[in-house]
Amino acid sequence: MPATIYDIAKKAGVSIATVSRVFNNSANVSDKAKKKVLAVADEMGYHPQAFAQGLASRKNNTVMVVVPVISNYFFMEVLSGIQDKLSELNYELSIFNISPNKDVQEQVEHVLKRRWAEGYLFISIHLEEENWKKLQKYKVPITLVDEHYQGFDSVSVDNAQGAYRAAKYFFKKGYKRVAMLSALETSKPIRDRLIGYKKALEEFDLPYDSQLVVTGDSMNRDGFTERAGYEAMMKILSMEPMPEACFCASDIQAVGALKAMEDAGKKIPIIGYDDIELAEYMGLSTIRQPMRDMGFFATQNLIDRMNNKDKAISQTIYSPELTIRTSTKVNGKADILS
């Protein structure tokens, strides 16, 4: 259960009245007592605004989604699944957009301290293990989407497995030089997908060549954009010798890559990652993530946690699927999944 002013008073060794005066900025309290109470409150993940609004002890029927970027196909698909589930229940949906120009950890703690919601869904919020551990002190229901940490419920996809399947598909077709159109390599999804790409290389006794892992110059949204995909593909097409095929780290980058091939008058087979709705209409072969299902079941997990804080932690990891369309055509003939 979230900490209350009673817990803070007990740990700080002061009266409940003193805690109340501190939170109400009363002048009738010593600086020493004020500093002690605020330090204990911070340690226990309690914020004065939660006391002032009375949110720490009653339900407010709100689920808050915390996302780094709202205008992104992946997030919109996940949000659609969340809304599908919430529409079945009597819960309000609130969204908090993490600013890329501020410290992520500070923003996340800012949200949790204020108790703006009864439960929280973190979508693609990637923190270090010690920072996830710090969030446990807030004792509020949290479910992670597209991330996992042992202390929280989570719904994610095996990114390494997805990249492995894409690269393996090309290697089984006999291609030797397969490029990986990447994004920011320090981002967690890319780290995992690079592991899968390397695993496929090892399986086929092919050397890893860092020159074949290519990014665009635009790092907006960590490089997961059409522009970055376009820039990276232009680099790939100018290589000597040119790679025979390409695995793209996201469908949205693959959209830019397809445009680059059209502009350059060159074409190589490509596979994307996500299976956003646009992929089907563009004939893009891709690694499918069940994005709506992830949002739907993550929300169900969160509601279950909100109703039963003592339930066992649930961690679901989906296995991504390879979907073949026309972007992997060879010599004008439709490719066959094998």
C-alpha atoms as a PDB file:
ATOM      1  CA  MET A   1       0.000   0.000   0.000  1.00  0.00           C
ATOM      2  CA  PRO A   2       1.167   3.584  -0.641  1.00  0.00           C
ATOM      3  CA  ALA A   3       2.653   5.389   2.343  1.00  0.00           C
ATOM      4  CA  THR A   4       0.356   7.619   4.424  1.00  0.00           C
ATOM      5  CA  ILE A   5       1.010  10.581   6.694  1.00  0.00           C
ATOM      6  CA  TYR A   6       0.711   8.147   9.622  1.00  0.00           C
ATOM      7  CA  ASP A   7       3.639   6.104   8.265  1.00  0.00           C
ATOM      8  CA  ILE A   8       5.694   9.244   7.744  1.00  0.00           C
ATOM      9  CA  ALA A   9       4.962  10.555  11.239  1.00  0.00           C
ATOM     10  CA  LYS A  10       5.982   7.245  12.791  1.00  0.00           C
ATOM     11  CA  LYS A  11       9.243   6.949  10.866  1.00  0.00           C
ATOM     12  CA  ALA A  12      10.173  10.608  11.363  1.00  0.00           C
ATOM     13  CA  GLY A  13       9.390  10.413  15.085  1.00  0.00           C
ATOM     14  CA  VAL A  14       6.958  13.337  15.020  1.00  0.00           C
ATOM     15  CA  SER A  15       3.224  13.796  15.433  1.00  0.00           C
ATOM     16  CA  ILE A  16       0.684  13.564  12.621  1.00  0.00           C
ATOM     17  CA  ALA A  17      -0.101  17.231  13.277  1.00  0.00           C
ATOM     18  CA  THR A  18       3.538  18.120  12.578  1.00  0.00           C
ATOM     19  CA  VAL A  19       3.488  16.226   9.283  1.00  0.00           C
ATOM     20  CA  SER A  20       0.279  18.022   8.339  1.00  0.00           C
ATOM     21  CA  ARG A  21       1.801  21.416   9.158  1.00  0.00           C
ATOM     22  CA  VAL A  22       4.884  20.621   7.061  1.00  0.00           C
ATOM     23  CA  PHE A  23       2.783  19.641   4.038  1.00  0.00           C
ATOM     24  CA  ASN A  24       0.640  22.746   4.419  1.00  0.00           C
ATOM     25  CA  ASN A  25       3.722  25.010   4.635  1.00  0.00           C
ATOM     26  CA  SER A  26       2.797  26.194   8.095  1.00  0.00           C
ATOM     27  CA  ALA A  27       5.233  28.594   9.767  1.00  0.00           C
ATOM     28  CA  ASN A  28       4.613  26.878  13.097  1.00  0.00           C
ATOM     29  CA  VAL A  29       7.163  24.110  12.567  1.00  0.00           C
ATOM     30  CA  SER A  30      10.943  24.062  12.991  1.00  0.00           C
ATOM     31  CA  ASP A  31      13.293  23.808  10.022  1.00  0.00           C
ATOM     32  CA  LYS A  32      14.796  20.666  11.524  1.00  0.00           C
ATOM     33  CA  ALA A  33      11.407  18.936  11.743  1.00  0.00           C
ATOM     34  CA  LYS A  34      10.465  20.110   8.265  1.00  0.00           C
ATOM     35  CA  LYS A  35      13.660  18.739   6.686  1.00  0.00           C
ATOM     36  CA  LYS A  36      13.248  15.419   8.495  1.00  0.00           C
ATOM     37  CA  VAL A  37       9.615  14.978   7.451  1.00  0.00           C
ATOM     38  CA  LEU A  38      10.310  15.866   3.830  1.00  0.00           C
ATOM     39  CA  ALA A  39      13.311  13.524   3.707  1.00  0.00           C
ATOM     40  CA  VAL A  40      11.241  10.629   5.075  1.00  0.00           C
ATOM     41  CA  ALA A  41       8.387  11.451   2.677  1.00  0.00           C
ATOM     42  CA  ASP A  42      10.767  11.385  -0.278  1.00  0.00           C
ATOM     43  CA  GLU A  43      12.322   8.124   0.909  1.00  0.00           C
ATOM     44  CA  MET A  44       8.873   6.521   1.141  1.00  0.00           C
ATOM     45  CA  GLY A  45       7.752   7.836  -2.247  1.00  0.00           C
ATOM     46  CA  TYR A  46       5.171  10.233  -0.817  1.00  0.00           C
ATOM     47  CA  HIS A  47       4.470  13.708  -2.133  1.00  0.00           C
ATOM     48  CA  PRO A  48       2.655  16.488  -0.218  1.00  0.00           C
ATOM     49  CA  GLN A  49       0.332  17.112  -3.164  1.00  0.00           C
ATOM     50  CA  ALA A  50      -1.047  13.600  -2.734  1.00  0.00           C
ATOM     51  CA  PHE A  51      -1.967  14.538   0.846  1.00  0.00           C
ATOM     52  CA  ALA A  52      -3.471  17.866  -0.145  1.00  0.00           C
ATOM     53  CA  GLN A  53      -5.649  16.263  -2.824  1.00  0.00           C
ATOM     54  CA  GLY A  54      -6.611  13.311  -0.690  1.00  0.00           C
ATOM     55  CA  LEU A  55      -5.505  10.896  -3.370  1.00  0.00           C
ATOM     56  CA  ALA A  56      -3.306   8.687  -1.254  1.00  0.00           C
ATOM     57  CA  SER A  57      -6.222   7.063   0.548  1.00  0.00           C
ATOM     58  CA  ARG A  58      -9.014   6.873  -2.030  1.00  0.00           C
ATOM     59  CA  LYS A  59      -9.405   5.586  -5.580  1.00  0.00           C
ATOM     60  CA  ASN A  60      -9.562   8.146  -8.364  1.00  0.00           C
ATOM     61  CA  ASN A  61     -10.524   5.668 -11.116  1.00  0.00           C
ATOM     62  CA  THR A  62      -7.780   6.847 -13.468  1.00  0.00           C
ATOM     63  CA  VAL A  63      -5.135   4.857 -15.341  1.00  0.00           C
ATOM     64  CA  MET A  64      -2.177   6.901 -16.550  1.00  0.00           C
ATOM     65  CA  VAL A  65      -0.107   5.947 -19.585  1.00  0.00           C
ATOM     66  CA  VAL A  66       3.473   7.243 -19.516  1.00  0.00           C
ATOM     67  CA  VAL A  67       5.111   7.340 -22.961  1.00  0.00           C
ATOM     68  CA  PRO A  68       8.239   8.930 -24.472  1.00  0.00           C
ATOM     69  CA  VAL A  69       6.622   9.768 -27.827  1.00  0.00           C
ATOM     70  CA  ILE A  70       2.901   9.889 -28.607  1.00  0.00           C
ATOM     71  CA  SER A  71       3.146  10.532 -32.375  1.00  0.00           C
ATOM     72  CA  ASN A  72       4.559   7.089 -33.140  1.00  0.00           C
ATOM     73  CA  TYR A  73       2.824   4.182 -34.890  1.00  0.00           C
ATOM     74  CA  PHE A  74       3.969   1.642 -32.289  1.00  0.00           C
ATOM     75  CA  PHE A  75       2.636   3.653 -29.364  1.00  0.00           C
ATOM     76  CA  MET A  76      -0.628   4.420 -31.144  1.00  0.00           C
ATOM     77  CA  GLU A  77      -1.232   0.702 -31.736  1.00  0.00           C
ATOM     78  CA  VAL A  78      -0.469  -0.130 -28.091  1.00  0.00           C
ATOM     79  CA  LEU A  79      -2.697   2.726 -26.925  1.00  0.00           C
ATOM     80  CA  SER A  80      -5.492   1.354 -29.083  1.00  0.00           C
ATOM     81  CA  GLY A  81      -5.304  -1.936 -27.185  1.00  0.00           C
ATOM     82  CA  ILE A  82      -5.299  -0.076 -23.872  1.00  0.00           C
ATOM     83  CA  GLN A  83      -8.377   1.897 -24.844  1.00  0.00           C
ATOM     84  CA  ASP A  84     -10.128  -1.297 -25.981  1.00  0.00           C
ATOM     85  CA  LYS A  85      -9.713  -2.738 -22.500  1.00  0.00           C
ATOM     86  CA  LEU A  86     -10.551   0.422 -20.571  1.00  0.00           C
ATOM     87  CA  SER A  87     -13.723   0.862 -22.616  1.00  0.00           C
ATOM     88  CA  GLU A  88     -14.972  -2.359 -20.998  1.00  0.00           C
ATOM     89  CA  LEU A  89     -14.397  -0.908 -17.536  1.00  0.00           C
ATOM     90  CA  ASN A  90     -15.210   2.256 -15.647  1.00  0.00           C
ATOM     91  CA  TYR A  91     -11.732   3.816 -15.788  1.00  0.00           C
ATOM     92  CA  GLU A  92     -10.499   7.106 -17.178  1.00  0.00           C
ATOM     93  CA  LEU A  93      -7.383   7.263 -19.359  1.00  0.00           C
ATOM     94  CA  SER A  94      -4.730   9.928 -18.818  1.00  0.00           C
ATOM     95  CA  ILE A  95      -1.496  10.310 -20.793  1.00  0.00           C
ATOM     96  CA  PHE A  96       1.817  11.786 -19.673  1.00  0.00           C
ATOM     97  CA  ASN A  97       4.364  12.467 -22.419  1.00  0.00           C
ATOM     98  CA  ILE A  98       7.998  12.169 -21.280  1.00  0.00           C
ATOM     99  CA  SER A  99      10.098  15.075 -22.555  1.00  0.00           C
ATOM    100  CA  PRO A 100      13.264  13.996 -24.417  1.00  0.00           C
ATOM    101  CA  ASN A 101      15.046  17.103 -23.131  1.00  0.00           C
ATOM    102  CA  LYS A 102      14.683  16.287 -19.427  1.00  0.00           C
ATOM    103  CA  ASP A 103      15.882  13.495 -17.171  1.00  0.00           C
ATOM    104  CA  VAL A 104      13.556  10.504 -17.638  1.00  0.00           C
ATOM    105  CA  GLN A 105      13.970   9.224 -14.079  1.00  0.00           C
ATOM    106  CA  GLU A 106      13.055  12.600 -12.603  1.00  0.00           C
ATOM    107  CA  GLN A 107       9.962  12.860 -14.785  1.00  0.00           C
ATOM    108  CA  VAL A 108       8.793   9.357 -13.883  1.00  0.00           C
ATOM    109  CA  GLU A 109       9.225  10.031 -10.165  1.00  0.00           C
ATOM    110  CA  HIS A 110       7.458  13.368 -10.574  1.00  0.00           C
ATOM    111  CA  VAL A 111       4.421  11.522 -11.929  1.00  0.00           C
ATOM    112  CA  LEU A 112       4.397   8.836  -9.247  1.00  0.00           C
ATOM    113  CA  LYS A 113       4.853  11.266  -6.357  1.00  0.00           C
ATOM    114  CA  ARG A 114       1.741  13.189  -7.289  1.00  0.00           C
ATOM    115  CA  ARG A 115      -0.562  10.154  -7.331  1.00  0.00           C
ATOM    116  CA  TRP A 116      -2.357  11.407 -10.430  1.00  0.00           C
ATOM    117  CA  ALA A 117      -3.698   7.931 -11.091  1.00  0.00           C
ATOM    118  CA  GLU A 118      -4.598   4.698  -9.378  1.00  0.00           C
ATOM    119  CA  GLY A 119      -2.378   2.685 -11.721  1.00  0.00           C
ATOM    120  CA  TYR A 120       0.325   3.361 -14.328  1.00  0.00           C
ATOM    121  CA  LEU A 121       1.286   1.853 -17.689  1.00  0.00           C
ATOM    122  CA  PHE A 122       4.864   2.640 -18.753  1.00  0.00           C
ATOM    123  CA  ILE A 123       5.263   2.160 -22.519  1.00  0.00           C
ATOM    124  CA  SER A 124       8.842   1.840 -23.820  1.00  0.00           C
ATOM    125  CA  ILE A 125      10.292   3.583 -20.781  1.00  0.00           C
ATOM    126  CA  HIS A 126      13.782   2.107 -20.548  1.00  0.00           C
ATOM    127  CA  LEU A 127      15.651   2.627 -17.272  1.00  0.00           C
ATOM    128  CA  GLU A 128      18.666   1.008 -15.671  1.00  0.00           C
ATOM    129  CA  GLU A 129      17.965  -1.772 -13.158  1.00  0.00           C
ATOM    130  CA  GLU A 130      18.861   0.352 -10.126  1.00  0.00           C
ATOM    131  CA  ASN A 131      16.387   3.022 -11.237  1.00  0.00           C
ATOM    132  CA  TRP A 132      13.548   0.520 -11.636  1.00  0.00           C
ATOM    133  CA  LYS A 133      14.332  -0.652  -8.123  1.00  0.00           C
ATOM    134  CA  LYS A 134      13.994   2.915  -6.802  1.00  0.00           C
ATOM    135  CA  LEU A 135      10.464   3.144  -8.198  1.00  0.00           C
ATOM    136  CA  GLN A 136       9.293   0.237  -6.048  1.00  0.00           C
ATOM    137  CA  LYS A 137       9.260   2.506  -2.991  1.00  0.00           C
ATOM    138  CA  TYR A 138       6.193   4.311  -4.330  1.00  0.00           C
ATOM    139  CA  LYS A 139       4.091   1.176  -3.828  1.00  0.00           C
ATOM    140  CA  VAL A 140       1.645   1.959  -6.618  1.00  0.00           C
ATOM    141  CA  PRO A 141       0.428  -0.457  -9.321  1.00  0.00           C
ATOM    142  CA  ILE A 142       2.737  -0.279 -12.351  1.00  0.00           C
ATOM    143  CA  THR A 143       2.794  -2.428 -15.484  1.00  0.00           C
ATOM    144  CA  LEU A 144       5.589  -2.154 -18.040  1.00  0.00           C
ATOM    145  CA  VAL A 145       4.999  -2.466 -21.785  1.00  0.00           C
ATOM    146  CA  ASP A 146       7.906  -3.158 -24.179  1.00  0.00           C
ATOM    147  CA  GLU A 147      10.224  -3.504 -21.165  1.00  0.00           C
ATOM    148  CA  HIS A 148      10.613  -5.846 -18.236  1.00  0.00           C
ATOM    149  CA  TYR A 149      12.004  -5.736 -14.728  1.00  0.00           C
ATOM    150  CA  GLN A 150      11.586  -8.510 -12.178  1.00  0.00           C
ATOM    151  CA  GLY A 151       9.818  -6.283  -9.643  1.00  0.00           C
ATOM    152  CA  PHE A 152       6.903  -5.215 -11.897  1.00  0.00           C
ATOM    153  CA  ASP A 153       4.217  -6.797 -14.047  1.00  0.00           C
ATOM    154  CA  SER A 154       5.228  -6.537 -17.697  1.00  0.00           C
ATOM    155  CA  VAL A 155       4.266  -7.338 -21.279  1.00  0.00           C
ATOM    156  CA  SER A 156       7.037  -7.343 -23.867  1.00  0.00           C
ATOM    157  CA  VAL A 157       8.367  -8.984 -27.028  1.00  0.00           C
ATOM    158  CA  ASP A 158      11.585 -10.939 -27.475  1.00  0.00           C
ATOM    159  CA  ASN A 159      13.402  -8.366 -29.614  1.00  0.00           C
ATOM    160  CA  ALA A 160      16.515 -10.505 -30.013  1.00  0.00           C
ATOM    161  CA  GLN A 161      14.410 -13.374 -31.333  1.00  0.00           C
ATOM    162  CA  GLY A 162      12.671 -11.089 -33.823  1.00  0.00           C
ATOM    163  CA  ALA A 163      15.904  -9.758 -35.300  1.00  0.00           C
ATOM    164  CA  TYR A 164      17.331 -13.285 -35.378  1.00  0.00           C
ATOM    165  CA  ARG A 165      14.367 -14.516 -37.428  1.00  0.00           C
ATOM    166  CA  ALA A 166      14.665 -11.663 -39.923  1.00  0.00           C
ATOM    167  CA  ALA A 167      18.400 -12.112 -40.468  1.00  0.00           C
ATOM    168  CA  LYS A 168      18.142 -15.911 -40.532  1.00  0.00           C
ATOM    169  CA  TYR A 169      15.499 -15.703 -43.249  1.00  0.00           C
ATOM    170  CA  PHE A 170      17.921 -13.847 -45.522  1.00  0.00           C
ATOM    171  CA  PHE A 171      20.841 -16.137 -44.733  1.00  0.00           C
ATOM    172  CA  LYS A 172      18.739 -19.201 -45.529  1.00  0.00           C
ATOM    173  CA  LYS A 173      18.029 -17.622 -48.916  1.00  0.00           C
ATOM    174  CA  GLY A 174      21.768 -17.610 -49.562  1.00  0.00           C
ATOM    175  CA  TYR A 175      22.520 -13.934 -48.936  1.00  0.00           C
ATOM    176  CA  LYS A 176      25.915 -13.283 -47.307  1.00  0.00           C
ATOM    177  CA  ARG A 177      26.032  -9.499 -46.975  1.00  0.00           C
ATOM    178  CA  VAL A 178      22.926  -8.505 -45.049  1.00  0.00           C
ATOM    179  CA  ALA A 179      22.838  -4.977 -43.644  1.00  0.00           C
ATOM    180  CA  MET A 180      21.057  -3.979 -40.458  1.00  0.00           C
ATOM    181  CA  LEU A 181      19.433  -0.574 -40.805  1.00  0.00           C
ATOM    182  CA  SER A 182      19.742   0.468 -37.183  1.00  0.00           C
ATOM    183  CA  ALA A 183      18.778   3.320 -34.862  1.00  0.00           C
ATOM    184  CA  LEU A 184      20.574   4.699 -31.799  1.00  0.00           C
ATOM    185  CA  GLU A 185      22.700   1.735 -30.735  1.00  0.00           C
ATOM    186  CA  THR A 186      22.522   2.608 -27.030  1.00  0.00           C
ATOM    187  CA  SER A 187      18.724   2.297 -27.042  1.00  0.00           C
ATOM    188  CA  LYS A 188      17.505  -0.943 -25.458  1.00  0.00           C
ATOM    189  CA  PRO A 189      15.460  -2.192 -28.451  1.00  0.00           C
ATOM    190  CA  ILE A 190      18.491  -1.826 -30.720  1.00  0.00           C
ATOM    191  CA  ARG A 191      20.821  -3.518 -28.238  1.00  0.00           C
ATOM    192  CA  ASP A 192      18.492  -6.518 -28.154  1.00  0.00           C
ATOM    193  CA  ARG A 193      17.921  -6.601 -31.924  1.00  0.00           C
ATOM    194  CA  LEU A 194      21.662  -6.405 -32.550  1.00  0.00           C
ATOM    195  CA  ILE A 195      22.078  -9.490 -30.347  1.00  0.00           C
ATOM    196  CA  GLY A 196      19.623 -11.365 -32.565  1.00  0.00           C
ATOM    197  CA  TYR A 197      21.327 -10.183 -35.752  1.00  0.00           C
ATOM    198  CA  LYS A 198      24.707 -11.388 -34.459  1.00  0.00           C
ATOM    199  CA  LYS A 199      23.237 -14.725 -33.375  1.00  0.00           C
ATOM    200  CA  ALA A 200      22.047 -15.398 -36.923  1.00  0.00           C
ATOM    201  CA  LEU A 201      25.483 -14.515 -38.306  1.00  0.00           C
ATOM    202  CA  GLU A 202      27.124 -16.977 -35.921  1.00  0.00           C
ATOM    203  CA  GLU A 203      24.675 -19.726 -36.851  1.00  0.00           C
ATOM    204  CA  PHE A 204      25.650 -19.389 -40.517  1.00  0.00           C
ATOM    205  CA  ASP A 205      29.380 -18.987 -39.769  1.00  0.00           C
ATOM    206  CA  LEU A 206      29.418 -15.452 -41.125  1.00  0.00           C
ATOM    207  CA  PRO A 207      31.677 -12.732 -39.661  1.00  0.00           C
ATOM    208  CA  TYR A 208      30.196  -9.697 -37.968  1.00  0.00           C
ATOM    209  CA  ASP A 209      30.990  -6.514 -39.902  1.00  0.00           C
ATOM    210  CA  SER A 210      30.190  -3.317 -38.001  1.00  0.00           C
ATOM    211  CA  GLN A 211      30.163  -1.436 -41.331  1.00  0.00           C
ATOM    212  CA  LEU A 212      26.966  -3.284 -42.220  1.00  0.00           C
ATOM    213  CA  VAL A 213      25.145  -1.858 -39.173  1.00  0.00           C
ATOM    214  CA  VAL A 214      24.064   1.510 -40.525  1.00  0.00           C
ATOM    215  CA  THR A 215      22.198   4.456 -38.999  1.00  0.00           C
ATOM    216  CA  GLY A 216      20.882   7.666 -40.445  1.00  0.00           C
ATOM    217  CA  ASP A 217      22.220  11.049 -39.403  1.00  0.00           C
ATOM    218  CA  SER A 218      18.945  12.211 -37.846  1.00  0.00           C
ATOM    219  CA  MET A 219      18.617  10.977 -34.267  1.00  0.00           C
ATOM    220  CA  ASN A 220      15.216  12.441 -33.485  1.00  0.00           C
ATOM    221  CA  ARG A 221      13.240   9.764 -31.564  1.00  0.00           C
ATOM    222  CA  ASP A 222      16.506   7.796 -31.310  1.00  0.00           C
ATOM    223  CA  GLY A 223      16.548   7.411 -35.094  1.00  0.00           C
ATOM    224  CA  PHE A 224      13.225   5.563 -35.348  1.00  0.00           C
ATOM    225  CA  THR A 225      11.897   7.852 -38.094  1.00  0.00           C
ATOM    226  CA  GLU A 226      11.266   7.836 -41.862  1.00  0.00           C
ATOM    227  CA  ARG A 227      14.034  10.417 -42.339  1.00  0.00           C
ATOM    228  CA  ALA A 228      16.622   8.323 -40.508  1.00  0.00           C
ATOM    229  CA  GLY A 229      15.601   5.261 -42.518  1.00  0.00           C
ATOM    230  CA  TYR A 230      15.957   7.189 -45.765  1.00  0.00           C
ATOM    231  CA  GLU A 231      19.418   8.481 -44.812  1.00  0.00           C
ATOM    232  CA  ALA A 232      20.645   5.062 -43.696  1.00  0.00           C
ATOM    233  CA  MET A 233      19.434   3.332 -46.854  1.00  0.00           C
ATOM    234  CA  MET A 234      21.170   5.907 -49.035  1.00  0.00           C
ATOM    235  CA  LYS A 235      24.412   4.976 -47.249  1.00  0.00           C
ATOM    236  CA  ILE A 236      23.729   1.263 -47.753  1.00  0.00           C
ATOM    237  CA  LEU A 237      23.043   1.705 -51.471  1.00  0.00           C
ATOM    238  CA  SER A 238      26.338   3.573 -51.927  1.00  0.00           C
ATOM    239  CA  MET A 239      28.451   0.793 -50.401  1.00  0.00           C
ATOM    240  CA  GLU A 240      30.928  -1.174 -52.506  1.00  0.00           C
ATOM    241  CA  PRO A 241      30.010  -3.956 -52.728  1.00  0.00           C
ATOM    242  CA  MET A 242      26.386  -3.127 -52.015  1.00  0.00           C
ATOM    243  CA  PRO A 243      24.668  -5.348 -49.400  1.00  0.00           C
ATOM    244  CA  GLU A 244      22.392  -7.989 -50.888  1.00  0.00           C
ATOM    245  CA  ALA A 245      19.525  -7.489 -48.404  1.00  0.00           C
ATOM    246  CA  CYS A 246      18.579  -5.392 -45.388  1.00  0.00           C
ATOM    247  CA  PHE A 247      16.873  -5.886 -42.033  1.00  0.00           C
ATOM    248  CA  CYS A 248      15.319  -2.622 -40.782  1.00  0.00           C
ATOM    249  CA  ALA A 249      14.988  -2.056 -37.047  1.00  0.00           C
ATOM    250  CA  SER A 250      11.473  -0.642 -37.456  1.00  0.00           C
ATOM    251  CA  ASP A 251       8.742  -0.395 -40.071  1.00  0.00           C
ATOM    252  CA  ILE A 252       8.778   3.377 -39.957  1.00  0.00           C
ATOM    253  CA  GLN A 253      12.478   3.377 -40.903  1.00  0.00           C
ATOM    254  CA  ALA A 254      11.665   0.872 -43.647  1.00  0.00           C
ATOM    255  CA  VAL A 255       9.176   3.387 -45.094  1.00  0.00           C
ATOM    256  CA  GLY A 256      12.055   5.833 -45.529  1.00  0.00           C
ATOM    257  CA  ALA A 257      14.297   3.062 -46.854  1.00  0.00           C
ATOM    258  CA  LEU A 258      11.783   2.140 -49.572  1.00  0.00           C
ATOM    259  CA  LYS A 259      11.633   5.784 -50.659  1.00  0.00           C
ATOM    260  CA  ALA A 260      15.433   5.949 -50.792  1.00  0.00           C
ATOM    261  CA  MET A 261      15.552   2.893 -53.068  1.00  0.00           C
ATOM    262  CA  GLU A 262      12.946   4.451 -55.336  1.00  0.00           C
ATOM    263  CA  ASP A 263      14.907   7.719 -55.549  1.00  0.00           C
ATOM    264  CA  ALA A 264      18.212   5.936 -56.124  1.00  0.00           C
ATOM    265  CA  GLY A 265      16.827   3.552 -58.741  1.00  0.00           C
ATOM    266  CA  LYS A 266      18.206   0.582 -56.814  1.00  0.00           C
ATOM    267  CA  LYS A 267      16.445  -2.187 -54.937  1.00  0.00           C
ATOM    268  CA  ILE A 268      17.364  -4.838 -52.395  1.00  0.00           C
ATOM    269  CA  PRO A 269      15.020  -7.081 -50.376  1.00  0.00           C
ATOM    270  CA  ILE A 270      14.129  -5.625 -46.977  1.00  0.00           C
ATOM    271  CA  ILE A 271      12.334  -6.745 -43.824  1.00  0.00           C
ATOM    272  CA  GLY A 272      10.964  -4.295 -41.275  1.00  0.00           C
ATOM    273  CA  TYR A 273      10.017  -4.669 -37.615  1.00  0.00           C
ATOM    274  CA  ASP A 274       6.649  -4.009 -35.869  1.00  0.00           C
ATOM    275  CA  ASP A 275       3.983  -4.758 -38.516  1.00  0.00           C
ATOM    276  CA  ILE A 276       2.258  -1.404 -38.199  1.00  0.00           C
ATOM    277  CA  GLU A 277      -0.969  -1.112 -40.197  1.00  0.00           C
ATOM    278  CA  LEU A 278       0.808   0.793 -42.969  1.00  0.00           C
ATOM    279  CA  ALA A 279       3.156  -2.167 -43.594  1.00  0.00           C
ATOM    280  CA  GLU A 280       0.428  -4.328 -45.125  1.00  0.00           C
ATOM    281  CA  TYR A 281      -0.566  -1.643 -47.649  1.00  0.00           C
ATOM    282  CA  MET A 282       3.066  -1.073 -48.637  1.00  0.00           C
ATOM    283  CA  GLY A 283       3.774  -4.773 -49.101  1.00  0.00           C
ATOM    284  CA  LEU A 284       6.454  -4.620 -46.422  1.00  0.00           C
ATOM    285  CA  SER A 285       7.751  -7.910 -45.100  1.00  0.00           C
ATOM    286  CA  THR A 286       8.184  -7.491 -41.371  1.00  0.00           C
ATOM    287  CA  ILE A 287       8.572  -8.939 -37.904  1.00  0.00           C
ATOM    288  CA  ARG A 288       5.163  -8.743 -36.290  1.00  0.00           C
ATOM    289  CA  GLN A 289       4.744  -7.494 -32.730  1.00  0.00           C
ATOM    290  CA  PRO A 290       1.213  -7.998 -31.335  1.00  0.00           C
ATOM    291  CA  MET A 291       1.018  -4.338 -30.334  1.00  0.00           C
ATOM    292  CA  ARG A 292      -2.714  -4.087 -29.649  1.00  0.00           C
ATOM    293  CA  ASP A 293      -2.641  -7.327 -27.686  1.00  0.00           C
ATOM    294  CA  MET A 294       0.284  -5.998 -25.656  1.00  0.00           C
ATOM    295  CA  GLY A 295      -1.713  -2.898 -24.700  1.00  0.00           C
ATOM    296  CA  PHE A 296      -4.888  -4.892 -24.006  1.00  0.00           C
ATOM    297  CA  PHE A 297      -3.316  -7.519 -21.768  1.00  0.00           C
ATOM    298  CA  ALA A 298      -0.988  -5.060 -20.031  1.00  0.00           C
ATOM    299  CA  THR A 299      -4.070  -3.085 -19.039  1.00  0.00           C
ATOM    300  CA  GLN A 300      -5.772  -6.236 -17.779  1.00  0.00           C
ATOM    301  CA  ASN A 301      -2.659  -7.033 -15.720  1.00  0.00           C
ATOM    302  CA  LEU A 302      -2.680  -3.525 -14.275  1.00  0.00           C
ATOM    303  CA  ILE A 303      -6.365  -3.665 -13.339  1.00  0.00           C
ATOM    304  CA  ASP A 304      -5.773  -7.044 -11.670  1.00  0.00           C
ATOM    305  CA  ARG A 305      -2.880  -5.513  -9.715  1.00  0.00           C
ATOM    306  CA  MET A 306      -4.999  -2.518  -8.701  1.00  0.00           C
ATOM    307  CA  ASN A 307      -7.650  -4.877  -7.343  1.00  0.00           C
ATOM    308  CA  ASN A 308      -5.191  -7.272  -5.720  1.00  0.00           C
ATOM    309  CA  LYS A 309      -1.844  -5.775  -4.752  1.00  0.00           C
ATOM    310  CA  ASP A 310      -0.623  -9.107  -3.363  1.00  0.00           C
ATOM    311  CA  LYS A 311      -1.027 -11.141  -6.551  1.00  0.00           C
ATOM    312  CA  ALA A 312       2.007 -12.838  -8.075  1.00  0.00           C
ATOM    313  CA  ILE A 313       4.013 -10.752 -10.563  1.00  0.00           C
ATOM    314  CA  SER A 314       3.018 -11.473 -14.168  1.00  0.00           C
ATOM    315  CA  GLN A 315       5.593 -11.174 -16.945  1.00  0.00           C
ATOM    316  CA  THR A 316       4.481 -11.986 -20.495  1.00  0.00           C
ATOM    317  CA  ILE A 317       7.031 -12.164 -23.305  1.00  0.00           C
ATOM    318  CA  TYR A 318       5.626 -12.580 -26.807  1.00  0.00           C
ATOM    319  CA  SER A 319       7.521 -14.378 -29.549  1.00  0.00           C
ATOM    320  CA  PRO A 320       7.475 -12.179 -32.690  1.00  0.00           C
ATOM    321  CA  GLU A 321       6.406 -13.630 -36.044  1.00  0.00           C
ATOM    322  CA  LEU A 322       7.908 -13.168 -39.512  1.00  0.00           C
ATOM    323  CA  THR A 323       5.363 -11.959 -42.075  1.00  0.00           C
ATOM    324  CA  ILE A 324       6.473 -12.121 -45.707  1.00  0.00           C
ATOM    325  CA  ARG A 325       5.142  -9.676 -48.304  1.00  0.00           C
ATOM    326  CA  THR A 326       6.422  -8.231 -51.572  1.00  0.00           C
ATOM    327  CA  SER A 327       9.386  -6.213 -50.219  1.00  0.00           C
ATOM    328  CA  THR A 328      11.406  -9.447 -50.207  1.00  0.00           C
ATOM    329  CA  LYS A 329      10.726 -10.140 -53.901  1.00  0.00           C
ATOM    330  CA  VAL A 330      13.644 -11.603 -55.826  1.00  0.00           C
ATOM    331  CA  ASN A 331      13.964 -10.876 -59.566  1.00  0.00           C
ATOM    332  CA  GLY A 332      10.366  -9.737 -59.719  1.00  0.00           C
ATOM    333  CA  LYS A 333       9.001 -13.001 -58.339  1.00  0.00           C
ATOM    334  CA  ALA A 334       7.080 -13.202 -55.089  1.00  0.00           C
ATOM    335  CA  ASP A 335       9.243 -14.626 -52.330  1.00  0.00           C
ATOM    336  CA  ILE A 336       8.210 -17.719 -50.397  1.00  0.00           C
ATOM    337  CA  LEU A 337       8.640 -18.166 -46.673  1.00  0.00           C
ATOM    338  CA  SER A 338      10.847 -21.186 -46.042  1.00  0.00           C
END
